[in-house]
Amino acid sequence: MQVVVFAVVLILPSFLSGESFLTITKISNECEGAIVEGGDLKCTAKESHYSDYDPGKCAVVCEDGTEVKLPYGVCSNNQLKDCNSEEVKRELKEWALNV
């Protein structure tokens, strides 16, 4: 019984703040972080939420199916350019902040 109460106390606040397991994404580098953060902001501005990243279209996909293109020049041959490039990092960060 105590374990159940403890689990509810830990999990409940995240659900109350609007988070769910669908919004938690493993981020392995700065570029992915900017894509997820910027994608969520862009989708929220369209009254939706970030769902996924489609590298073939160089776009984030919102839960309602809306696609938001990443900035020009950060993708090549259906994939994100090298995230070690300061230019790519800068472009993605600027894109994420400009809602």
PDB file of N, CA and C in Angstrom:
ATOM      1  N   MET A   1       0.827  -1.196   0.000  1.00  0.00           N
ATOM      2  CA  MET A   1       0.000   0.000   0.000  1.00  0.00           C
ATOM      3  C   MET A   1       0.867   1.253   0.000  1.00  0.00           C
ATOM      4  N   GLN A   2       1.912   1.254   0.818  1.00  0.00           N
ATOM      5  CA  GLN A   2       2.785   2.424   0.882  1.00  0.00           C
ATOM      6  C   GLN A   2       3.510   2.640  -0.445  1.00  0.00           C
ATOM      7  N   VAL A   3       3.850   1.551  -1.117  1.00  0.00           N
ATOM      8  CA  VAL A   3       4.533   1.661  -2.399  1.00  0.00           C
ATOM      9  C   VAL A   3       3.619   2.323  -3.432  1.00  0.00           C
ATOM     10  N   VAL A   4       2.345   1.960  -3.430  1.00  0.00           N
ATOM     11  CA  VAL A   4       1.389   2.547  -4.368  1.00  0.00           C
ATOM     12  C   VAL A   4       1.233   4.040  -4.108  1.00  0.00           C
ATOM     13  N   VAL A   5       1.082   4.418  -2.859  1.00  0.00           N
ATOM     14  CA  VAL A   5       0.949   5.833  -2.502  1.00  0.00           C
ATOM     15  C   VAL A   5       2.210   6.586  -2.902  1.00  0.00           C
ATOM     16  N   PHE A   6       3.371   5.998  -2.651  1.00  0.00           N
ATOM     17  CA  PHE A   6       4.641   6.621  -3.005  1.00  0.00           C
ATOM     18  C   PHE A   6       4.729   6.836  -4.519  1.00  0.00           C
ATOM     19  N   ALA A   7       4.332   5.828  -5.291  1.00  0.00           N
ATOM     20  CA  ALA A   7       4.371   5.931  -6.752  1.00  0.00           C
ATOM     21  C   ALA A   7       3.423   7.023  -7.250  1.00  0.00           C
ATOM     22  N   VAL A   8       2.241   7.098  -6.687  1.00  0.00           N
ATOM     23  CA  VAL A   8       1.276   8.123  -7.084  1.00  0.00           C
ATOM     24  C   VAL A   8       1.813   9.510  -6.768  1.00  0.00           C
ATOM     25  N   VAL A   9       2.442   9.658  -5.615  1.00  0.00           N
ATOM     26  CA  VAL A   9       3.001  10.953  -5.222  1.00  0.00           C
ATOM     27  C   VAL A   9       4.097  11.381  -6.195  1.00  0.00           C
ATOM     28  N   LEU A  10       4.877  10.439  -6.696  1.00  0.00           N
ATOM     29  CA  LEU A  10       5.946  10.766  -7.639  1.00  0.00           C
ATOM     30  C   LEU A  10       5.427  11.051  -9.047  1.00  0.00           C
ATOM     31  N   ILE A  11       4.428  10.322  -9.487  1.00  0.00           N
ATOM     32  CA  ILE A  11       3.968  10.415 -10.867  1.00  0.00           C
ATOM     33  C   ILE A  11       2.890  11.479 -11.069  1.00  0.00           C
ATOM     34  N   LEU A  12       2.018  11.662 -10.114  1.00  0.00           N
ATOM     35  CA  LEU A  12       0.884  12.569 -10.258  1.00  0.00           C
ATOM     36  C   LEU A  12       1.257  13.994 -10.665  1.00  0.00           C
ATOM     37  N   PRO A  13       2.274  14.611 -10.072  1.00  0.00           N
ATOM     38  CA  PRO A  13       2.587  15.995 -10.469  1.00  0.00           C
ATOM     39  C   PRO A  13       2.910  16.157 -11.953  1.00  0.00           C
ATOM     40  N   SER A  14       3.575  15.178 -12.562  1.00  0.00           N
ATOM     41  CA  SER A  14       3.899  15.308 -13.986  1.00  0.00           C
ATOM     42  C   SER A  14       2.641  15.250 -14.846  1.00  0.00           C
ATOM     43  N   PHE A  15       1.665  14.430 -14.466  1.00  0.00           N
ATOM     44  CA  PHE A  15       0.418  14.383 -15.222  1.00  0.00           C
ATOM     45  C   PHE A  15      -0.395  15.655 -15.028  1.00  0.00           C
ATOM     46  N   LEU A  16      -0.363  16.207 -13.832  1.00  0.00           N
ATOM     47  CA  LEU A  16      -1.094  17.440 -13.565  1.00  0.00           C
ATOM     48  C   LEU A  16      -0.512  18.617 -14.337  1.00  0.00           C
ATOM     49  N   SER A  17       0.790  18.572 -14.616  1.00  0.00           N
ATOM     50  CA  SER A  17       1.412  19.662 -15.365  1.00  0.00           C
ATOM     51  C   SER A  17       1.283  19.469 -16.876  1.00  0.00           C
ATOM     52  N   GLY A  18       0.600  18.412 -17.286  1.00  0.00           N
ATOM     53  CA  GLY A  18       0.348  18.204 -18.710  1.00  0.00           C
ATOM     54  C   GLY A  18       1.328  17.276 -19.387  1.00  0.00           C
ATOM     55  N   GLU A  19       2.276  16.744 -18.661  1.00  0.00           N
ATOM     56  CA  GLU A  19       3.238  15.828 -19.266  1.00  0.00           C
ATOM     57  C   GLU A  19       2.643  14.436 -19.339  1.00  0.00           C
ATOM     58  N   SER A  20       3.116  13.677 -20.286  1.00  0.00           N
ATOM     59  CA  SER A  20       2.752  12.274 -20.370  1.00  0.00           C
ATOM     60  C   SER A  20       3.946  11.534 -20.936  1.00  0.00           C
ATOM     61  N   PHE A  21       3.857  10.229 -20.977  1.00  0.00           N
ATOM     62  CA  PHE A  21       4.977   9.449 -21.494  1.00  0.00           C
ATOM     63  C   PHE A  21       5.239   9.770 -22.956  1.00  0.00           C
ATOM     64  N   LEU A  22       4.260  10.317 -23.660  1.00  0.00           N
ATOM     65  CA  LEU A  22       4.438  10.644 -25.071  1.00  0.00           C
ATOM     66  C   LEU A  22       5.317  11.861 -25.288  1.00  0.00           C
ATOM     67  N   THR A  23       5.419  12.739 -24.280  1.00  0.00           N
ATOM     68  CA  THR A  23       6.193  13.956 -24.470  1.00  0.00           C
ATOM     69  C   THR A  23       7.627  13.805 -23.997  1.00  0.00           C
ATOM     70  N   ILE A  24       7.947  12.689 -23.397  1.00  0.00           N
ATOM     71  CA  ILE A  24       9.308  12.480 -22.913  1.00  0.00           C
ATOM     72  C   ILE A  24      10.104  11.812 -24.026  1.00  0.00           C
ATOM     73  N   THR A  25      11.175  12.444 -24.432  1.00  0.00           N
ATOM     74  CA  THR A  25      11.979  11.953 -25.547  1.00  0.00           C
ATOM     75  C   THR A  25      13.437  11.873 -25.116  1.00  0.00           C
ATOM     76  N   LYS A  26      14.091  10.797 -25.481  1.00  0.00           N
ATOM     77  CA  LYS A  26      15.517  10.682 -25.186  1.00  0.00           C
ATOM     78  C   LYS A  26      16.271  11.595 -26.148  1.00  0.00           C
ATOM     79  N   ILE A  27      17.073  12.469 -25.580  1.00  0.00           N
ATOM     80  CA  ILE A  27      17.830  13.425 -26.382  1.00  0.00           C
ATOM     81  C   ILE A  27      19.306  13.089 -26.247  1.00  0.00           C
ATOM     82  N   SER A  28      19.974  12.865 -27.381  1.00  0.00           N
ATOM     83  CA  SER A  28      21.369  12.441 -27.316  1.00  0.00           C
ATOM     84  C   SER A  28      22.366  13.520 -27.729  1.00  0.00           C
ATOM     85  N   ASN A  29      21.887  14.660 -28.260  1.00  0.00           N
ATOM     86  CA  ASN A  29      22.809  15.739 -28.612  1.00  0.00           C
ATOM     87  C   ASN A  29      22.071  17.078 -28.637  1.00  0.00           C
ATOM     88  N   GLU A  30      22.827  18.156 -28.788  1.00  0.00           N
ATOM     89  CA  GLU A  30      22.251  19.506 -28.770  1.00  0.00           C
ATOM     90  C   GLU A  30      21.227  19.722 -29.874  1.00  0.00           C
ATOM     91  N   CYS A  31      21.492  19.162 -31.035  1.00  0.00           N
ATOM     92  CA  CYS A  31      20.580  19.361 -32.163  1.00  0.00           C
ATOM     93  C   CYS A  31      19.224  18.718 -31.881  1.00  0.00           C
ATOM     94  N   GLU A  32      19.236  17.500 -31.371  1.00  0.00           N
ATOM     95  CA  GLU A  32      17.977  16.838 -31.043  1.00  0.00           C
ATOM     96  C   GLU A  32      17.224  17.623 -29.979  1.00  0.00           C
ATOM     97  N   GLY A  33      17.957  18.169 -29.015  1.00  0.00           N
ATOM     98  CA  GLY A  33      17.325  18.985 -27.979  1.00  0.00           C
ATOM     99  C   GLY A  33      16.644  20.203 -28.572  1.00  0.00           C
ATOM    100  N   ALA A  34      17.312  20.871 -29.497  1.00  0.00           N
ATOM    101  CA  ALA A  34      16.733  22.055 -30.142  1.00  0.00           C
ATOM    102  C   ALA A  34      15.531  21.673 -31.000  1.00  0.00           C
ATOM    103  N   ILE A  35      15.593  20.523 -31.657  1.00  0.00           N
ATOM    104  CA  ILE A  35      14.474  20.076 -32.491  1.00  0.00           C
ATOM    105  C   ILE A  35      13.251  19.786 -31.628  1.00  0.00           C
ATOM    106  N   VAL A  36      13.453  19.078 -30.522  1.00  0.00           N
ATOM    107  CA  VAL A  36      12.327  18.749 -29.643  1.00  0.00           C
ATOM    108  C   VAL A  36      11.770  20.012 -28.992  1.00  0.00           C
ATOM    109  N   GLU A  37      12.652  20.844 -28.449  1.00  0.00           N
ATOM    110  CA  GLU A  37      12.207  22.070 -27.779  1.00  0.00           C
ATOM    111  C   GLU A  37      11.523  23.017 -28.770  1.00  0.00           C
ATOM    112  N   GLY A  38      12.183  23.261 -29.891  1.00  0.00           N
ATOM    113  CA  GLY A  38      11.606  24.142 -30.901  1.00  0.00           C
ATOM    114  C   GLY A  38      10.338  23.569 -31.501  1.00  0.00           C
ATOM    115  N   GLY A  39      10.353  22.261 -31.737  1.00  0.00           N
ATOM    116  CA  GLY A  39       9.164  21.610 -32.283  1.00  0.00           C
ATOM    117  C   GLY A  39       7.978  21.731 -31.353  1.00  0.00           C
ATOM    118  N   ASP A  40       8.230  21.576 -30.060  1.00  0.00           N
ATOM    119  CA  ASP A  40       7.133  21.704 -29.102  1.00  0.00           C
ATOM    120  C   ASP A  40       6.592  23.133 -29.081  1.00  0.00           C
ATOM    121  N   LEU A  41       7.492  24.116 -29.126  1.00  0.00           N
ATOM    122  CA  LEU A  41       7.049  25.517 -29.145  1.00  0.00           C
ATOM    123  C   LEU A  41       6.266  25.834 -30.421  1.00  0.00           C
ATOM    124  N   LYS A  42       6.775  25.358 -31.563  1.00  0.00           N
ATOM    125  CA  LYS A  42       6.101  25.625 -32.840  1.00  0.00           C
ATOM    126  C   LYS A  42       4.730  24.947 -32.885  1.00  0.00           C
ATOM    127  N   CYS A  43       4.663  23.704 -32.405  1.00  0.00           N
ATOM    128  CA  CYS A  43       3.384  22.985 -32.405  1.00  0.00           C
ATOM    129  C   CYS A  43       2.406  23.611 -31.416  1.00  0.00           C
ATOM    130  N   THR A  44       2.908  24.040 -30.262  1.00  0.00           N
ATOM    131  CA  THR A  44       2.048  24.694 -29.277  1.00  0.00           C
ATOM    132  C   THR A  44       1.462  25.973 -29.860  1.00  0.00           C
ATOM    133  N   ALA A  45       2.245  26.701 -30.631  1.00  0.00           N
ATOM    134  CA  ALA A  45       1.746  27.918 -31.281  1.00  0.00           C
ATOM    135  C   ALA A  45       0.620  27.597 -32.264  1.00  0.00           C
ATOM    136  N   LYS A  46       0.590  26.360 -32.747  1.00  0.00           N
ATOM    137  CA  LYS A  46      -0.471  25.920 -33.660  1.00  0.00           C
ATOM    138  C   LYS A  46      -1.546  25.137 -32.912  1.00  0.00           C
ATOM    139  N   GLU A  47      -1.553  25.296 -31.575  1.00  0.00           N
ATOM    140  CA  GLU A  47      -2.517  24.641 -30.691  1.00  0.00           C
ATOM    141  C   GLU A  47      -2.443  23.120 -30.778  1.00  0.00           C
ATOM    142  N   SER A  48      -1.226  22.599 -30.834  1.00  0.00           N
ATOM    143  CA  SER A  48      -0.991  21.162 -30.833  1.00  0.00           C
ATOM    144  C   SER A  48       0.234  20.904 -29.963  1.00  0.00           C
ATOM    145  N   HIS A  49       0.809  19.715 -30.074  1.00  0.00           N
ATOM    146  CA  HIS A  49       2.009  19.366 -29.317  1.00  0.00           C
ATOM    147  C   HIS A  49       2.960  18.595 -30.224  1.00  0.00           C
ATOM    148  N   TYR A  50       4.240  18.661 -29.899  1.00  0.00           N
ATOM    149  CA  TYR A  50       5.266  17.926 -30.644  1.00  0.00           C
ATOM    150  C   TYR A  50       4.980  16.432 -30.559  1.00  0.00           C
ATOM    151  N   SER A  51       5.107  15.756 -31.676  1.00  0.00           N
ATOM    152  CA  SER A  51       4.911  14.317 -31.702  1.00  0.00           C
ATOM    153  C   SER A  51       6.162  13.576 -32.151  1.00  0.00           C
ATOM    154  N   ASP A  52       6.794  14.052 -33.235  1.00  0.00           N
ATOM    155  CA  ASP A  52       7.901  13.293 -33.808  1.00  0.00           C
ATOM    156  C   ASP A  52       8.724  14.194 -34.728  1.00  0.00           C
ATOM    157  N   TYR A  53       9.848  13.670 -35.163  1.00  0.00           N
ATOM    158  CA  TYR A  53      10.701  14.335 -36.142  1.00  0.00           C
ATOM    159  C   TYR A  53      10.782  13.431 -37.363  1.00  0.00           C
ATOM    160  N   ASP A  54      10.505  13.985 -38.531  1.00  0.00           N
ATOM    161  CA  ASP A  54      10.563  13.235 -39.785  1.00  0.00           C
ATOM    162  C   ASP A  54      11.789  13.689 -40.571  1.00  0.00           C
ATOM    163  N   PRO A  55      12.890  12.917 -40.514  1.00  0.00           N
ATOM    164  CA  PRO A  55      14.114  13.333 -41.196  1.00  0.00           C
ATOM    165  C   PRO A  55      13.952  13.391 -42.711  1.00  0.00           C
ATOM    166  N   GLY A  56      13.104  12.553 -43.279  1.00  0.00           N
ATOM    167  CA  GLY A  56      12.890  12.552 -44.723  1.00  0.00           C
ATOM    168  C   GLY A  56      12.289  13.852 -45.230  1.00  0.00           C
ATOM    169  N   LYS A  57      11.510  14.500 -44.382  1.00  0.00           N
ATOM    170  CA  LYS A  57      10.893  15.777 -44.746  1.00  0.00           C
ATOM    171  C   LYS A  57      11.585  16.947 -44.070  1.00  0.00           C
ATOM    172  N   CYS A  58      12.571  16.656 -43.235  1.00  0.00           N
ATOM    173  CA  CYS A  58      13.289  17.681 -42.481  1.00  0.00           C
ATOM    174  C   CYS A  58      12.277  18.567 -41.742  1.00  0.00           C
ATOM    175  N   ALA A  59      11.379  17.899 -41.016  1.00  0.00           N
ATOM    176  CA  ALA A  59      10.302  18.613 -40.336  1.00  0.00           C
ATOM    177  C   ALA A  59       9.929  17.908 -39.039  1.00  0.00           C
ATOM    178  N   VAL A  60       9.401  18.692 -38.099  1.00  0.00           N
ATOM    179  CA  VAL A  60       8.799  18.096 -36.915  1.00  0.00           C
ATOM    180  C   VAL A  60       7.326  17.868 -37.230  1.00  0.00           C
ATOM    181  N   VAL A  61       6.755  16.874 -36.588  1.00  0.00           N
ATOM    182  CA  VAL A  61       5.355  16.541 -36.798  1.00  0.00           C
ATOM    183  C   VAL A  61       4.612  16.786 -35.493  1.00  0.00           C
ATOM    184  N   CYS A  62       3.539  17.543 -35.572  1.00  0.00           N
ATOM    185  CA  CYS A  62       2.711  17.817 -34.399  1.00  0.00           C
ATOM    186  C   CYS A  62       1.691  16.688 -34.237  1.00  0.00           C
ATOM    187  N   GLU A  63       1.104  16.590 -33.042  1.00  0.00           N
ATOM    188  CA  GLU A  63       0.129  15.537 -32.776  1.00  0.00           C
ATOM    189  C   GLU A  63      -1.070  15.590 -33.717  1.00  0.00           C
ATOM    190  N   ASP A  64      -1.417  16.788 -34.202  1.00  0.00           N
ATOM    191  CA  ASP A  64      -2.566  16.907 -35.109  1.00  0.00           C
ATOM    192  C   ASP A  64      -2.186  16.639 -36.570  1.00  0.00           C
ATOM    193  N   GLY A  65      -0.933  16.251 -36.807  1.00  0.00           N
ATOM    194  CA  GLY A  65      -0.474  15.932 -38.157  1.00  0.00           C
ATOM    195  C   GLY A  65       0.189  17.091 -38.889  1.00  0.00           C
ATOM    196  N   THR A  66       0.122  18.286 -38.311  1.00  0.00           N
ATOM    197  CA  THR A  66       0.770  19.447 -38.915  1.00  0.00           C
ATOM    198  C   THR A  66       2.275  19.223 -38.949  1.00  0.00           C
ATOM    199  N   GLU A  67       2.904  19.608 -40.039  1.00  0.00           N
ATOM    200  CA  GLU A  67       4.357  19.503 -40.154  1.00  0.00           C
ATOM    201  C   GLU A  67       4.964  20.894 -40.140  1.00  0.00           C
ATOM    202  N   VAL A  68       6.062  21.038 -39.403  1.00  0.00           N
ATOM    203  CA  VAL A  68       6.772  22.313 -39.322  1.00  0.00           C
ATOM    204  C   VAL A  68       8.196  22.072 -39.805  1.00  0.00           C
ATOM    205  N   LYS A  69       8.563  22.726 -40.902  1.00  0.00           N
ATOM    206  CA  LYS A  69       9.893  22.548 -41.491  1.00  0.00           C
ATOM    207  C   LYS A  69      10.986  23.093 -40.579  1.00  0.00           C
ATOM    208  N   LEU A  70      12.119  22.396 -40.571  1.00  0.00           N
ATOM    209  CA  LEU A  70      13.305  22.911 -39.891  1.00  0.00           C
ATOM    210  C   LEU A  70      13.894  24.013 -40.770  1.00  0.00           C
ATOM    211  N   PRO A  71      14.759  24.845 -40.212  1.00  0.00           N
ATOM    212  CA  PRO A  71      15.300  25.950 -41.006  1.00  0.00           C
ATOM    213  C   PRO A  71      16.101  25.454 -42.216  1.00  0.00           C
ATOM    214  N   TYR A  72      16.075  26.259 -43.268  1.00  0.00           N
ATOM    215  CA  TYR A  72      16.790  25.934 -44.497  1.00  0.00           C
ATOM    216  C   TYR A  72      18.279  25.722 -44.203  1.00  0.00           C
ATOM    217  N   GLY A  73      18.827  24.658 -44.756  1.00  0.00           N
ATOM    218  CA  GLY A  73      20.260  24.419 -44.668  1.00  0.00           C
ATOM    219  C   GLY A  73      20.721  23.486 -43.570  1.00  0.00           C
ATOM    220  N   VAL A  74      19.812  23.035 -42.691  1.00  0.00           N
ATOM    221  CA  VAL A  74      20.266  22.138 -41.621  1.00  0.00           C
ATOM    222  C   VAL A  74      20.126  20.667 -42.005  1.00  0.00           C
ATOM    223  N   CYS A  75      19.434  20.387 -43.100  1.00  0.00           N
ATOM    224  CA  CYS A  75      19.281  19.011 -43.566  1.00  0.00           C
ATOM    225  C   CYS A  75      19.898  18.852 -44.949  1.00  0.00           C
ATOM    226  N   SER A  76      20.356  17.642 -45.220  1.00  0.00           N
ATOM    227  CA  SER A  76      20.908  17.307 -46.521  1.00  0.00           C
ATOM    228  C   SER A  76      20.725  15.810 -46.743  1.00  0.00           C
ATOM    229  N   ASN A  77      20.283  15.424 -47.925  1.00  0.00           N
ATOM    230  CA  ASN A  77      20.076  14.007 -48.256  1.00  0.00           C
ATOM    231  C   ASN A  77      19.179  13.303 -47.244  1.00  0.00           C
ATOM    232  N   ASN A  78      18.063  13.936 -46.919  1.00  0.00           N
ATOM    233  CA  ASN A  78      17.066  13.373 -46.006  1.00  0.00           C
ATOM    234  C   ASN A  78      17.586  13.079 -44.606  1.00  0.00           C
ATOM    235  N   GLN A  79      18.540  13.858 -44.156  1.00  0.00           N
ATOM    236  CA  GLN A  79      18.997  13.717 -42.772  1.00  0.00           C
ATOM    237  C   GLN A  79      19.581  15.031 -42.277  1.00  0.00           C
ATOM    238  N   LEU A  80      19.617  15.159 -40.965  1.00  0.00           N
ATOM    239  CA  LEU A  80      20.180  16.348 -40.347  1.00  0.00           C
ATOM    240  C   LEU A  80      21.674  16.378 -40.621  1.00  0.00           C
ATOM    241  N   LYS A  81      22.191  17.546 -40.963  1.00  0.00           N
ATOM    242  CA  LYS A  81      23.636  17.675 -41.167  1.00  0.00           C
ATOM    243  C   LYS A  81      24.361  17.416 -39.853  1.00  0.00           C
ATOM    244  N   ASP A  82      25.650  17.354 -39.889  1.00  0.00           N
ATOM    245  CA  ASP A  82      26.494  17.067 -38.731  1.00  0.00           C
ATOM    246  C   ASP A  82      26.210  18.030 -37.584  1.00  0.00           C
ATOM    247  N   CYS A  83      25.827  17.478 -36.446  1.00  0.00           N
ATOM    248  CA  CYS A  83      25.501  18.311 -35.285  1.00  0.00           C
ATOM    249  C   CYS A  83      26.750  18.904 -34.645  1.00  0.00           C
ATOM    250  N   ASN A  84      27.925  18.473 -35.049  1.00  0.00           N
ATOM    251  CA  ASN A  84      29.152  19.084 -34.530  1.00  0.00           C
ATOM    252  C   ASN A  84      29.415  20.439 -35.182  1.00  0.00           C
ATOM    253  N   SER A  85      28.683  20.725 -36.243  1.00  0.00           N
ATOM    254  CA  SER A  85      28.814  22.003 -36.933  1.00  0.00           C
ATOM    255  C   SER A  85      28.168  23.102 -36.090  1.00  0.00           C
ATOM    256  N   GLU A  86      28.943  24.129 -35.786  1.00  0.00           N
ATOM    257  CA  GLU A  86      28.417  25.252 -35.000  1.00  0.00           C
ATOM    258  C   GLU A  86      27.306  25.965 -35.755  1.00  0.00           C
ATOM    259  N   GLU A  87      27.401  25.994 -37.084  1.00  0.00           N
ATOM    260  CA  GLU A  87      26.369  26.646 -37.893  1.00  0.00           C
ATOM    261  C   GLU A  87      25.020  25.931 -37.752  1.00  0.00           C
ATOM    262  N   VAL A  88      25.040  24.592 -37.799  1.00  0.00           N
ATOM    263  CA  VAL A  88      23.805  23.818 -37.664  1.00  0.00           C
ATOM    264  C   VAL A  88      23.211  24.030 -36.274  1.00  0.00           C
ATOM    265  N   LYS A  89      24.053  23.972 -35.243  1.00  0.00           N
ATOM    266  CA  LYS A  89      23.568  24.204 -33.872  1.00  0.00           C
ATOM    267  C   LYS A  89      22.939  25.581 -33.750  1.00  0.00           C
ATOM    268  N   ARG A  90      23.608  26.592 -34.293  1.00  0.00           N
ATOM    269  CA  ARG A  90      23.118  27.968 -34.202  1.00  0.00           C
ATOM    270  C   ARG A  90      21.783  28.123 -34.926  1.00  0.00           C
ATOM    271  N   GLU A  91      21.691  27.575 -36.135  1.00  0.00           N
ATOM    272  CA  GLU A  91      20.448  27.668 -36.915  1.00  0.00           C
ATOM    273  C   GLU A  91      19.281  27.019 -36.175  1.00  0.00           C
ATOM    274  N   LEU A  92      19.527  25.840 -35.594  1.00  0.00           N
ATOM    275  CA  LEU A  92      18.456  25.145 -34.879  1.00  0.00           C
ATOM    276  C   LEU A  92      18.040  25.889 -33.616  1.00  0.00           C
ATOM    277  N   LYS A  93      19.019  26.442 -32.898  1.00  0.00           N
ATOM    278  CA  LYS A  93      18.686  27.191 -31.679  1.00  0.00           C
ATOM    279  C   LYS A  93      17.892  28.449 -32.012  1.00  0.00           C
ATOM    280  N   GLU A  94      18.291  29.151 -33.065  1.00  0.00           N
ATOM    281  CA  GLU A  94      17.555  30.350 -33.483  1.00  0.00           C
ATOM    282  C   GLU A  94      16.142  29.986 -33.923  1.00  0.00           C
ATOM    283  N   TRP A  95      16.016  28.894 -34.669  1.00  0.00           N
ATOM    284  CA  TRP A  95      14.705  28.420 -35.114  1.00  0.00           C
ATOM    285  C   TRP A  95      13.822  28.086 -33.916  1.00  0.00           C
ATOM    286  N   ALA A  96      14.415  27.436 -32.915  1.00  0.00           N
ATOM    287  CA  ALA A  96      13.650  27.042 -31.730  1.00  0.00           C
ATOM    288  C   ALA A  96      13.131  28.254 -30.966  1.00  0.00           C
ATOM    289  N   LEU A  97      13.890  29.328 -30.963  1.00  0.00           N
ATOM    290  CA  LEU A  97      13.507  30.510 -30.188  1.00  0.00           C
ATOM    291  C   LEU A  97      12.552  31.439 -30.927  1.00  0.00           C
ATOM    292  N   ASN A  98      12.506  31.348 -32.247  1.00  0.00           N
ATOM    293  CA  ASN A  98      11.640  32.239 -33.039  1.00  0.00           C
ATOM    294  C   ASN A  98      10.276  31.603 -33.261  1.00  0.00           C
ATOM    295  N   VAL A  99       9.358  31.921 -32.377  1.00  0.00           N
ATOM    296  CA  VAL A  99       7.999  31.365 -32.491  1.00  0.00           C
ATOM    297  C   VAL A  99       7.091  32.391 -33.122  1.00  0.00           C
TER     298      VAL A  99
END
